[in-house]
Amino acid sequence: MGRPKEHDEATRERLLHAAENLSATNGWEAVTVRAVAEEAATSTRAVYALFGSKEGLEQALHRAMFTRLRDLERGRRRCEDPRADLVELAMAYRRWAVERPERYALAMHGFVGKGARSRSEEGLVVSREALDELVQAVGRCHDAGLLVVDPEDVVTQLRAVVHGLAELENLGILGPDPERHWRAVTSAVLDGYMREPAAAA
């Protein structure tokens, strides 16, 4: 019988969650291996055994965040109507953004855009797969002849819209029924991209 693993998947998840929490509170530069270990009620040895270094922890955190987004997007309720499918994709993004706001803040302000933090090739593949769900959904609208706007512009602008909604909901600004705002805003924006018959429908 083999020896049981000293540092298992549960320990790994605790460390990733601890890194999220500490970064949300103090910023990533203030996060240390020791602080993460203490927050997760384990040892620095566990961090090094599971991630190799602070940079390895950083890369694993990025990969875990965007794997979750990709999986939520792929698991969304699928609609034959490509416009309705885009709304459901936005709802999948919403779930990712609000289920752990500290993770979302780190993902968007630490791992996206200029000055993005350390990311592994595996993590970049996963994040591209998540984005590709949106690209494909917009492409289906385009292929159906529904769009009057360049598909690349639609992708960029929808990313901006859902990010803004997520930030406002995580700040508590969208009130007691935030999903209503998500669906109303996303639908209104999509209607602006659609040909008249689609918008009327």
C-alpha atoms as a PDB file:
ATOM      1  CA  MET A   1       0.000   0.000   0.000  1.00  0.00           C
ATOM      2  CA  GLY A   2       1.422   3.401  -0.987  1.00  0.00           C
ATOM      3  CA  ARG A   3       1.924   6.242   1.434  1.00  0.00           C
ATOM      4  CA  PRO A   4      -0.977   8.711   1.607  1.00  0.00           C
ATOM      5  CA  LYS A   5      -0.300  12.136   0.130  1.00  0.00           C
ATOM      6  CA  GLU A   6       0.768  14.609   2.760  1.00  0.00           C
ATOM      7  CA  HIS A   7      -0.651  17.532   0.800  1.00  0.00           C
ATOM      8  CA  ASP A   8      -3.902  16.666  -0.922  1.00  0.00           C
ATOM      9  CA  GLU A   9      -6.387  18.462  -3.182  1.00  0.00           C
ATOM     10  CA  ALA A  10      -8.210  19.939  -0.195  1.00  0.00           C
ATOM     11  CA  THR A  11      -4.978  21.567   0.989  1.00  0.00           C
ATOM     12  CA  ARG A  12      -4.370  22.869  -2.519  1.00  0.00           C
ATOM     13  CA  GLU A  13      -7.828  24.477  -2.644  1.00  0.00           C
ATOM     14  CA  ARG A  14      -7.370  26.059   0.789  1.00  0.00           C
ATOM     15  CA  LEU A  15      -4.089  27.584  -0.323  1.00  0.00           C
ATOM     16  CA  LEU A  16      -5.592  28.987  -3.516  1.00  0.00           C
ATOM     17  CA  HIS A  17      -8.519  30.455  -1.592  1.00  0.00           C
ATOM     18  CA  ALA A  18      -6.137  31.918   0.994  1.00  0.00           C
ATOM     19  CA  ALA A  19      -4.092  33.564  -1.756  1.00  0.00           C
ATOM     20  CA  GLU A  20      -7.287  35.095  -3.198  1.00  0.00           C
ATOM     21  CA  ASN A  21      -8.363  36.470   0.170  1.00  0.00           C
ATOM     22  CA  LEU A  22      -4.982  37.933   1.036  1.00  0.00           C
ATOM     23  CA  SER A  23      -4.610  39.534  -2.370  1.00  0.00           C
ATOM     24  CA  ALA A  24      -8.080  41.083  -2.114  1.00  0.00           C
ATOM     25  CA  THR A  25      -7.166  42.567   1.264  1.00  0.00           C
ATOM     26  CA  ASN A  26      -3.559  43.633   0.790  1.00  0.00           C
ATOM     27  CA  GLY A  27      -2.721  43.368  -2.911  1.00  0.00           C
ATOM     28  CA  TRP A  28      -0.665  40.628  -4.500  1.00  0.00           C
ATOM     29  CA  GLU A  29       2.694  42.250  -3.782  1.00  0.00           C
ATOM     30  CA  ALA A  30       2.011  41.914  -0.049  1.00  0.00           C
ATOM     31  CA  VAL A  31       1.202  38.202  -0.353  1.00  0.00           C
ATOM     32  CA  THR A  32       3.964  35.898   0.909  1.00  0.00           C
ATOM     33  CA  VAL A  33       4.272  32.137   0.975  1.00  0.00           C
ATOM     34  CA  ARG A  34       4.248  32.223   4.774  1.00  0.00           C
ATOM     35  CA  ALA A  35       1.126  34.408   4.940  1.00  0.00           C
ATOM     36  CA  VAL A  36      -0.722  32.142   2.513  1.00  0.00           C
ATOM     37  CA  ALA A  37       0.269  29.061   4.506  1.00  0.00           C
ATOM     38  CA  GLU A  38      -0.872  30.618   7.777  1.00  0.00           C
ATOM     39  CA  GLU A  39      -4.176  31.750   6.252  1.00  0.00           C
ATOM     40  CA  ALA A  40      -4.768  28.195   5.019  1.00  0.00           C
ATOM     41  CA  ALA A  41      -3.765  26.669   8.386  1.00  0.00           C
ATOM     42  CA  THR A  42      -0.913  24.690   6.891  1.00  0.00           C
ATOM     43  CA  SER A  43       2.854  24.978   6.398  1.00  0.00           C
ATOM     44  CA  THR A  44       5.082  26.749   3.900  1.00  0.00           C
ATOM     45  CA  ARG A  45       6.281  23.278   2.997  1.00  0.00           C
ATOM     46  CA  ALA A  46       2.784  22.564   1.647  1.00  0.00           C
ATOM     47  CA  VAL A  47       2.973  25.616  -0.630  1.00  0.00           C
ATOM     48  CA  TYR A  48       6.341  24.575  -2.027  1.00  0.00           C
ATOM     49  CA  ALA A  49       5.303  20.922  -2.373  1.00  0.00           C
ATOM     50  CA  LEU A  50       2.130  21.783  -4.300  1.00  0.00           C
ATOM     51  CA  PHE A  51       3.180  24.868  -6.268  1.00  0.00           C
ATOM     52  CA  GLY A  52       6.969  25.072  -6.161  1.00  0.00           C
ATOM     53  CA  SER A  53       7.097  28.810  -5.459  1.00  0.00           C
ATOM     54  CA  LYS A  54       5.012  31.943  -5.074  1.00  0.00           C
ATOM     55  CA  GLU A  55       5.101  32.276  -8.862  1.00  0.00           C
ATOM     56  CA  GLY A  56       3.805  28.718  -9.205  1.00  0.00           C
ATOM     57  CA  LEU A  57       0.987  29.522  -6.789  1.00  0.00           C
ATOM     58  CA  GLU A  58       0.198  32.624  -8.837  1.00  0.00           C
ATOM     59  CA  GLN A  59       0.048  30.628 -12.072  1.00  0.00           C
ATOM     60  CA  ALA A  60      -2.097  27.904 -10.497  1.00  0.00           C
ATOM     61  CA  LEU A  61      -4.502  30.531  -9.199  1.00  0.00           C
ATOM     62  CA  HIS A  62      -4.892  32.040 -12.665  1.00  0.00           C
ATOM     63  CA  ARG A  63      -5.473  28.611 -14.170  1.00  0.00           C
ATOM     64  CA  ALA A  64      -8.056  27.663 -11.536  1.00  0.00           C
ATOM     65  CA  MET A  65      -9.956  30.933 -11.958  1.00  0.00           C
ATOM     66  CA  PHE A  66     -10.305  30.701 -15.710  1.00  0.00           C
ATOM     67  CA  THR A  67     -10.958  26.964 -15.686  1.00  0.00           C
ATOM     68  CA  ARG A  68     -13.976  27.727 -13.524  1.00  0.00           C
ATOM     69  CA  LEU A  69     -15.161  30.417 -15.955  1.00  0.00           C
ATOM     70  CA  ARG A  70     -14.725  28.144 -18.955  1.00  0.00           C
ATOM     71  CA  ASP A  71     -16.562  25.284 -17.257  1.00  0.00           C
ATOM     72  CA  LEU A  72     -19.486  27.512 -16.244  1.00  0.00           C
ATOM     73  CA  GLU A  73     -19.746  28.841 -19.779  1.00  0.00           C
ATOM     74  CA  ARG A  74     -19.659  25.366 -21.297  1.00  0.00           C
ATOM     75  CA  GLY A  75     -22.235  24.144 -18.796  1.00  0.00           C
ATOM     76  CA  ARG A  76     -24.725  26.932 -19.461  1.00  0.00           C
ATOM     77  CA  ARG A  77     -28.263  26.249 -20.628  1.00  0.00           C
ATOM     78  CA  ARG A  78     -27.928  26.057 -24.404  1.00  0.00           C
ATOM     79  CA  CYS A  79     -30.435  27.856 -26.611  1.00  0.00           C
ATOM     80  CA  GLU A  80     -31.090  27.286 -30.305  1.00  0.00           C
ATOM     81  CA  ASP A  81     -31.704  31.021 -30.678  1.00  0.00           C
ATOM     82  CA  PRO A  82     -28.158  32.480 -30.880  1.00  0.00           C
ATOM     83  CA  ARG A  83     -29.253  35.770 -29.296  1.00  0.00           C
ATOM     84  CA  ALA A  84     -30.798  33.981 -26.308  1.00  0.00           C
ATOM     85  CA  ASP A  85     -27.671  31.846 -26.051  1.00  0.00           C
ATOM     86  CA  LEU A  86     -25.560  34.996 -25.655  1.00  0.00           C
ATOM     87  CA  VAL A  87     -27.778  36.094 -22.768  1.00  0.00           C
ATOM     88  CA  GLU A  88     -27.254  32.706 -21.092  1.00  0.00           C
ATOM     89  CA  LEU A  89     -23.510  33.052 -21.634  1.00  0.00           C
ATOM     90  CA  ALA A  90     -23.654  36.384 -19.813  1.00  0.00           C
ATOM     91  CA  MET A  91     -25.470  34.660 -16.937  1.00  0.00           C
ATOM     92  CA  ALA A  92     -22.683  32.081 -16.740  1.00  0.00           C
ATOM     93  CA  TYR A  93     -20.154  34.918 -16.533  1.00  0.00           C
ATOM     94  CA  ARG A  94     -22.246  36.522 -13.808  1.00  0.00           C
ATOM     95  CA  ARG A  95     -22.159  33.363 -11.720  1.00  0.00           C
ATOM     96  CA  TRP A  96     -18.367  33.248 -12.021  1.00  0.00           C
ATOM     97  CA  ALA A  97     -17.988  36.909 -11.114  1.00  0.00           C
ATOM     98  CA  VAL A  98     -20.218  36.975  -8.045  1.00  0.00           C
ATOM     99  CA  GLU A  99     -19.736  33.567  -6.455  1.00  0.00           C
ATOM    100  CA  ARG A 100     -16.360  34.698  -5.076  1.00  0.00           C
ATOM    101  CA  PRO A 101     -15.906  38.448  -5.526  1.00  0.00           C
ATOM    102  CA  GLU A 102     -12.322  38.411  -4.226  1.00  0.00           C
ATOM    103  CA  ARG A 103     -11.382  35.924  -6.937  1.00  0.00           C
ATOM    104  CA  TYR A 104     -13.081  38.043  -9.586  1.00  0.00           C
ATOM    105  CA  ALA A 105     -11.275  41.185  -8.460  1.00  0.00           C
ATOM    106  CA  LEU A 106      -7.923  39.428  -8.631  1.00  0.00           C
ATOM    107  CA  ALA A 107      -8.726  37.800 -11.968  1.00  0.00           C
ATOM    108  CA  MET A 108      -9.715  41.030 -13.673  1.00  0.00           C
ATOM    109  CA  HIS A 109      -7.289  43.442 -12.024  1.00  0.00           C
ATOM    110  CA  GLY A 110      -4.330  41.097 -11.699  1.00  0.00           C
ATOM    111  CA  PHE A 111      -4.417  38.656 -14.585  1.00  0.00           C
ATOM    112  CA  VAL A 112      -6.051  40.570 -17.453  1.00  0.00           C
ATOM    113  CA  GLY A 113      -4.706  43.382 -19.604  1.00  0.00           C
ATOM    114  CA  LYS A 114      -1.541  45.435 -19.326  1.00  0.00           C
ATOM    115  CA  GLY A 115       0.759  44.438 -16.501  1.00  0.00           C
ATOM    116  CA  ALA A 116      -0.909  41.033 -16.133  1.00  0.00           C
ATOM    117  CA  ARG A 117       0.617  38.855 -13.448  1.00  0.00           C
ATOM    118  CA  SER A 118       2.534  35.648 -14.091  1.00  0.00           C
ATOM    119  CA  ARG A 119       0.539  33.104 -16.125  1.00  0.00           C
ATOM    120  CA  SER A 120       1.539  29.661 -17.302  1.00  0.00           C
ATOM    121  CA  GLU A 121       0.996  28.454 -20.859  1.00  0.00           C
ATOM    122  CA  GLU A 122      -1.633  26.040 -19.510  1.00  0.00           C
ATOM    123  CA  GLY A 123      -3.415  28.934 -17.830  1.00  0.00           C
ATOM    124  CA  LEU A 124      -3.315  31.020 -20.988  1.00  0.00           C
ATOM    125  CA  VAL A 125      -4.828  28.129 -22.951  1.00  0.00           C
ATOM    126  CA  VAL A 126      -7.707  27.872 -20.476  1.00  0.00           C
ATOM    127  CA  SER A 127      -8.361  31.617 -20.487  1.00  0.00           C
ATOM    128  CA  ARG A 128      -8.398  31.599 -24.299  1.00  0.00           C
ATOM    129  CA  GLU A 129     -10.867  28.713 -24.224  1.00  0.00           C
ATOM    130  CA  ALA A 130     -13.133  30.760 -21.933  1.00  0.00           C
ATOM    131  CA  LEU A 131     -12.975  33.750 -24.272  1.00  0.00           C
ATOM    132  CA  ASP A 132     -13.559  31.476 -27.255  1.00  0.00           C
ATOM    133  CA  GLU A 133     -16.987  30.540 -25.866  1.00  0.00           C
ATOM    134  CA  LEU A 134     -18.000  34.180 -26.355  1.00  0.00           C
ATOM    135  CA  VAL A 135     -16.322  34.417 -29.749  1.00  0.00           C
ATOM    136  CA  GLN A 136     -18.176  31.322 -30.965  1.00  0.00           C
ATOM    137  CA  ALA A 137     -21.531  32.507 -29.588  1.00  0.00           C
ATOM    138  CA  VAL A 138     -21.155  35.873 -31.318  1.00  0.00           C
ATOM    139  CA  GLY A 139     -20.073  34.023 -34.452  1.00  0.00           C
ATOM    140  CA  ARG A 140     -23.333  32.062 -34.456  1.00  0.00           C
ATOM    141  CA  CYS A 141     -25.267  35.338 -34.395  1.00  0.00           C
ATOM    142  CA  HIS A 142     -23.171  36.593 -37.280  1.00  0.00           C
ATOM    143  CA  ASP A 143     -23.600  33.383 -39.281  1.00  0.00           C
ATOM    144  CA  ALA A 144     -27.368  33.604 -38.757  1.00  0.00           C
ATOM    145  CA  GLY A 145     -27.327  37.055 -40.374  1.00  0.00           C
ATOM    146  CA  LEU A 146     -28.475  38.800 -37.197  1.00  0.00           C
ATOM    147  CA  LEU A 147     -25.646  41.277 -36.628  1.00  0.00           C
ATOM    148  CA  VAL A 148     -25.273  44.750 -38.092  1.00  0.00           C
ATOM    149  CA  VAL A 149     -22.024  45.295 -36.159  1.00  0.00           C
ATOM    150  CA  ASP A 150     -18.584  43.763 -36.690  1.00  0.00           C
ATOM    151  CA  PRO A 151     -18.386  40.541 -34.585  1.00  0.00           C
ATOM    152  CA  GLU A 152     -15.014  41.525 -33.090  1.00  0.00           C
ATOM    153  CA  ASP A 153     -16.527  44.780 -31.858  1.00  0.00           C
ATOM    154  CA  VAL A 154     -19.452  42.870 -30.370  1.00  0.00           C
ATOM    155  CA  VAL A 155     -17.048  40.586 -28.457  1.00  0.00           C
ATOM    156  CA  THR A 156     -15.075  43.539 -27.062  1.00  0.00           C
ATOM    157  CA  GLN A 157     -18.149  45.555 -26.119  1.00  0.00           C
ATOM    158  CA  LEU A 158     -19.960  42.628 -24.489  1.00  0.00           C
ATOM    159  CA  ARG A 159     -16.877  41.942 -22.378  1.00  0.00           C
ATOM    160  CA  ALA A 160     -16.982  45.558 -21.220  1.00  0.00           C
ATOM    161  CA  VAL A 161     -20.706  45.365 -20.425  1.00  0.00           C
ATOM    162  CA  VAL A 162     -20.549  42.185 -18.332  1.00  0.00           C
ATOM    163  CA  HIS A 163     -17.454  43.415 -16.508  1.00  0.00           C
ATOM    164  CA  GLY A 164     -19.254  46.619 -15.563  1.00  0.00           C
ATOM    165  CA  LEU A 165     -22.303  44.706 -14.360  1.00  0.00           C
ATOM    166  CA  ALA A 166     -20.129  42.370 -12.317  1.00  0.00           C
ATOM    167  CA  GLU A 167     -18.273  45.230 -10.658  1.00  0.00           C
ATOM    168  CA  LEU A 168     -21.544  46.964  -9.747  1.00  0.00           C
ATOM    169  CA  GLU A 169     -23.141  43.800  -8.384  1.00  0.00           C
ATOM    170  CA  ASN A 170     -20.089  42.985  -6.278  1.00  0.00           C
ATOM    171  CA  LEU A 171     -20.285  46.510  -4.867  1.00  0.00           C
ATOM    172  CA  GLY A 172     -23.946  45.918  -3.952  1.00  0.00           C
ATOM    173  CA  ILE A 173     -25.232  48.592  -6.334  1.00  0.00           C
ATOM    174  CA  LEU A 174     -27.636  46.495  -8.423  1.00  0.00           C
ATOM    175  CA  GLY A 175     -30.207  46.122  -5.658  1.00  0.00           C
ATOM    176  CA  PRO A 176     -32.204  43.083  -4.526  1.00  0.00           C
ATOM    177  CA  ASP A 177     -32.678  41.570  -7.999  1.00  0.00           C
ATOM    178  CA  PRO A 178     -29.373  41.927  -9.851  1.00  0.00           C
ATOM    179  CA  GLU A 179     -30.170  39.197 -12.364  1.00  0.00           C
ATOM    180  CA  ARG A 180     -33.015  41.337 -13.703  1.00  0.00           C
ATOM    181  CA  HIS A 181     -30.529  44.098 -14.474  1.00  0.00           C
ATOM    182  CA  TRP A 182     -28.112  41.651 -16.095  1.00  0.00           C
ATOM    183  CA  ARG A 183     -30.794  40.258 -18.391  1.00  0.00           C
ATOM    184  CA  ALA A 184     -32.281  43.681 -19.209  1.00  0.00           C
ATOM    185  CA  VAL A 185     -28.952  45.334 -19.975  1.00  0.00           C
ATOM    186  CA  THR A 186     -27.539  42.380 -21.923  1.00  0.00           C
ATOM    187  CA  SER A 187     -30.745  42.059 -23.962  1.00  0.00           C
ATOM    188  CA  ALA A 188     -30.872  45.788 -24.705  1.00  0.00           C
ATOM    189  CA  VAL A 189     -27.234  45.829 -25.821  1.00  0.00           C
ATOM    190  CA  LEU A 190     -27.771  42.790 -28.030  1.00  0.00           C
ATOM    191  CA  ASP A 191     -30.859  44.370 -29.573  1.00  0.00           C
ATOM    192  CA  GLY A 192     -28.684  47.294 -30.601  1.00  0.00           C
ATOM    193  CA  TYR A 193     -26.461  44.908 -32.562  1.00  0.00           C
ATOM    194  CA  MET A 194     -29.302  43.070 -34.267  1.00  0.00           C
ATOM    195  CA  ARG A 195     -31.155  43.644 -37.494  1.00  0.00           C
ATOM    196  CA  GLU A 196     -34.665  45.016 -36.991  1.00  0.00           C
ATOM    197  CA  PRO A 197     -36.576  41.714 -37.298  1.00  0.00           C
ATOM    198  CA  ALA A 198     -34.398  40.120 -34.630  1.00  0.00           C
ATOM    199  CA  ALA A 199     -34.762  43.099 -32.300  1.00  0.00           C
ATOM    200  CA  ALA A 200     -38.524  43.130 -32.744  1.00  0.00           C
ATOM    201  CA  ALA A 201     -38.702  39.411 -32.019  1.00  0.00           C
END
